[in-house]
Amino acid sequence: MESQNLRPGHLTAAQTRQVLGITSGALRNLVYRGQLTRSGGTDRYPYFAVEAVTALAAKRAARKVA
């Protein structure tokens, strides 16, 4: 169960997956490859910065258009 005490400006892993439209495994691969970094939380329930997630989403959207 994810924490209800989420810091402002951060997303849970589930919210991040929803924004990016990816699976849990794909999110783990993005973190492993260094394309997205955790900004808090725990190993089991990480948080991601909204700015990093939106930047990655824009980068992925631009790649789909091209």
Protein backbone atom coordinates (compact mmCIF):
# COMPACT_ATOMS: atom_id res chain seq x y z
CA MET A 1 0.00 0.00 0.00
CA GLU A 2 1.42 3.36 -1.00
CA SER A 3 1.86 6.17 1.47
CA GLN A 4 -0.78 8.85 1.79
CA ASN A 5 1.89 11.37 2.88
CA LEU A 6 3.20 12.23 -0.55
CA ARG A 7 5.36 15.34 -0.72
CA PRO A 8 4.14 18.12 -3.04
CA GLY A 9 5.73 17.95 -6.48
CA HIS A 10 6.13 14.19 -6.44
CA LEU A 11 4.32 11.23 -7.94
CA THR A 12 4.02 7.65 -6.76
CA ALA A 13 5.21 4.82 -8.98
CA ALA A 14 1.62 4.05 -9.97
CA GLN A 15 0.97 7.68 -10.92
CA THR A 16 4.23 7.80 -12.85
CA ARG A 17 3.31 4.66 -14.79
CA GLN A 18 -0.07 6.16 -15.61
CA VAL A 19 1.44 9.43 -16.88
CA LEU A 20 3.99 7.61 -19.03
CA GLY A 21 1.59 4.85 -20.10
CA ILE A 22 4.00 2.05 -19.20
CA THR A 23 4.13 -1.11 -17.10
CA SER A 24 5.89 -1.71 -13.79
CA GLY A 25 8.71 -3.52 -15.56
CA ALA A 26 9.19 -0.66 -18.00
CA LEU A 27 9.38 1.80 -15.10
CA ARG A 28 12.03 -0.35 -13.40
CA ASN A 29 14.01 -0.39 -16.66
CA LEU A 30 13.86 3.41 -16.94
CA VAL A 31 15.24 3.71 -13.41
CA TYR A 32 17.89 1.03 -14.03
CA ARG A 33 19.08 2.74 -17.23
CA GLY A 34 19.24 6.13 -15.52
CA GLN A 35 16.54 7.76 -17.63
CA LEU A 36 14.45 8.46 -14.52
CA THR A 37 15.67 8.85 -10.95
CA ARG A 38 13.83 8.31 -7.72
CA SER A 39 13.47 11.40 -5.58
CA GLY A 40 12.19 9.90 -2.36
CA GLY A 41 10.07 7.23 -0.79
CA THR A 42 11.37 3.75 -0.08
CA ASP A 43 12.83 1.01 -2.24
CA ARG A 44 9.43 -0.63 -2.41
CA TYR A 45 7.37 2.57 -2.83
CA PRO A 46 9.50 5.18 -4.62
CA TYR A 47 8.50 8.74 -5.45
CA PHE A 48 9.44 10.54 -8.64
CA ALA A 49 9.69 14.29 -9.20
CA VAL A 50 6.89 15.71 -11.35
CA GLU A 51 9.40 17.73 -13.40
CA ALA A 52 11.43 14.63 -14.27
CA VAL A 53 8.35 12.63 -15.21
CA THR A 54 6.87 15.37 -17.41
CA ALA A 55 10.23 15.93 -19.12
CA LEU A 56 10.51 12.22 -19.88
CA ALA A 57 6.91 12.10 -21.10
CA ALA A 58 7.58 15.03 -23.46
CA LYS A 59 10.76 13.37 -24.72
CA ARG A 60 8.88 10.12 -25.40
CA ALA A 61 6.02 11.98 -27.12
CA ALA A 62 8.47 13.87 -29.36
CA ARG A 63 10.10 10.58 -30.32
CA LYS A 64 6.72 9.10 -31.31
CA VAL A 65 5.92 12.07 -33.57
CA ALA A 66 9.24 12.01 -35.38
